[in-house]
Amino acid sequence: FPLRIKTDSSIGSKNQISVYVYSSGDQLSAGRIQIHLMTKPRYSIDNCRTSWTELPTSLPEDDNRVWRITKTSNPIGITIDCNDKEILNFKFSEETCTSHSTSWMTYWDKEMKKINFHGDTASDFYQHPPECTGLNANWNNVLSDQDFPIVEGTVLTLSCRGGEEIKGDKTVICVKDTEYTFSLEPTCYWIPVRANVKIDYDFENSPLRIKTVSSIGSRKNMIVSLYSSSAGILGQIQIRLNAKPQYWIKNCRQSWTEFPPNLPENNNRDWKITKTSQPVGLTIHCNNTEILNIQFSETTCTSHTNNWMNFWGKEMKKINFQGDTASDFYQHPPECTGLNANWYNVLLDQDFPIVEGTVLTLSCRGGEEIKGDKTVICVKDTE
C-alpha cells in the first residue's frame, strides 16, 4: 500500500521527510527514504543510494503537500508523487544503487511491513490504509485464502469449509473492517458437526444431508437423535461403518441390520436422510444412491410394534449428533425469516421462519385482489 504523508514545510526550510522501512520480523531497517527540503530539494535512499541527489522534477509551489511514496515490485523501485505530480521514478539496479551496487537486493527485495519516522522534521500526518480484520460474520463456514489483517483493495479468494462449491461470488474485495465489495453474497451451506448440541432443524420438511470421509470397516458411527420442538427425544438413526455397514432405528427397529445394497466405494460420502409422511418411514441415500427405504409398521418396527407411531408420528424439529464419530458436516437448509420489506400490506398463509423451497400464498391486508404473483418461493432471509 502506498504511504501517504502530509507536510506544510516550505522549500528551503531544511526540514526533511525521513521514513525507515522494515520487514515484519526484522529489528534493523531494510532501508530509509529521505527528502530534504533544501532550496533545491534532494533525496537519498539507504542501502541503495545514500548520497544526496537532487530531485529530477521540481516540487509544486504550494507548501501544503500530499506525498505518495510507492514501492514497485517488477522491477523493484520507488516512485514519489507530490500533489499528484510524479517527482521521482527510481528503479533499483547495480547502476542506480551507487552505494550498494551488489547488495541492494538483500534489503529492498524484502516485504516491508513496518515504518518509522525517526529523525523526521517535515512530516505532519500520514495515512494508514483501511484494513479488513476478518470475514463478514454472516458468511458461515466460508474460508479465505489469506490471513488477516489485510489492506483495503486486497482481493480474497473464498472457499467452503465443507469442500462444496461456493454459492455466489468466489472473490471479494476488502473495503474495511468486515466490509467487502461483491456482486452475489458468498454462501456455504455445509456446517461442521458439533456433538451434544441440540440444533433447530425441521426434519419434517427438510431432508438431512451429512458428509463423511470415514472408510467402510472403520467401525465409526453416524448418530442422529431426533427431538420434538420441546426437546423430547422421539427417535434416533445410527449407521455403523463396519465391513458390512448396518443401521439401527430407535423406537422402531433397535437391532443392527445390514443395508440391503452395498454403499458407494468413494469414502467422500454425501448422505441424505428423509422422513416420509404418507406412509411414515425413512429413506436414506448415499451419493445419490438409495440404500434404504423403510416404511414403519407393526411388521418392520420389530422392537416397538405397537407404539412406534407415538414417536415417529410426531413432528421432529431438533437434531443432535451426540456420540457421532463419523459425521463431519451437515447442511442446514436456508430459511426465510420474513417477507420482502417492500411488500407493503401483503399477508401470507404461514408463520416464519420457513425453509428454502417453501411455496407461500399471498394476500392483501385490505382484502383486495393482489397484483402480481399470488404465490412465491422462499430462497433465504427475505428473498
Foldseek 3Di string as FASTA:
>chain_A
DWKKFKFLDAQQPQFKFKKFWPFPPDPDTLKIWMWTRRNQIWIAIPLFGHDTDGFPDDADRGSTWMKIWDFDVVPTWIWIDIPNHTRDTGGGALVRRVVNSPCNCVRRVHDTDDMDRPPGDTTDDIDDFAWAADADPPAPQKDWPDHDTDGFQDKTAIDGNVGDHWPADRIWTDHHHHDTDGDGDTHDFKHFADAPDKAFAFLQPAWKKFWFLDAQQPQFKFKKWWADPVRDTQKMWMWTRRVFIWIAIPLFRHDTDGFPDDADRHSGWIKTWHFDVVPTWIWIDIPNHTRDTDGGALVRRVPNRPCSCVRSVDGTTIMGRHPGDTTTIIGGFAWEADADPPPPQKDWDDHDTDGFQDKIAIDGNVGDHDPDDRIDTDHHHHD
